């Protein structure tokens, strides 16, 4: 019985840890997840060259 509840607690801990980390990762980007577009701040930090390409294409 102890093994059953102990393993159940461990499984729930790792499951909730994964869910929490996913929620933290997508926090504030739900609109981007739905539309498939990256937020401008994210692109400035991660790939500024991609951001400049997007801006150049939108100007044309």
Foldseek 3Di string as FASTA:
>chain_A
DVVVVVVVVVVVVVVVVVVVVVCVVCPPPPVCVVVVHDDPVVCVPPPVPVVVVVVVVVVD
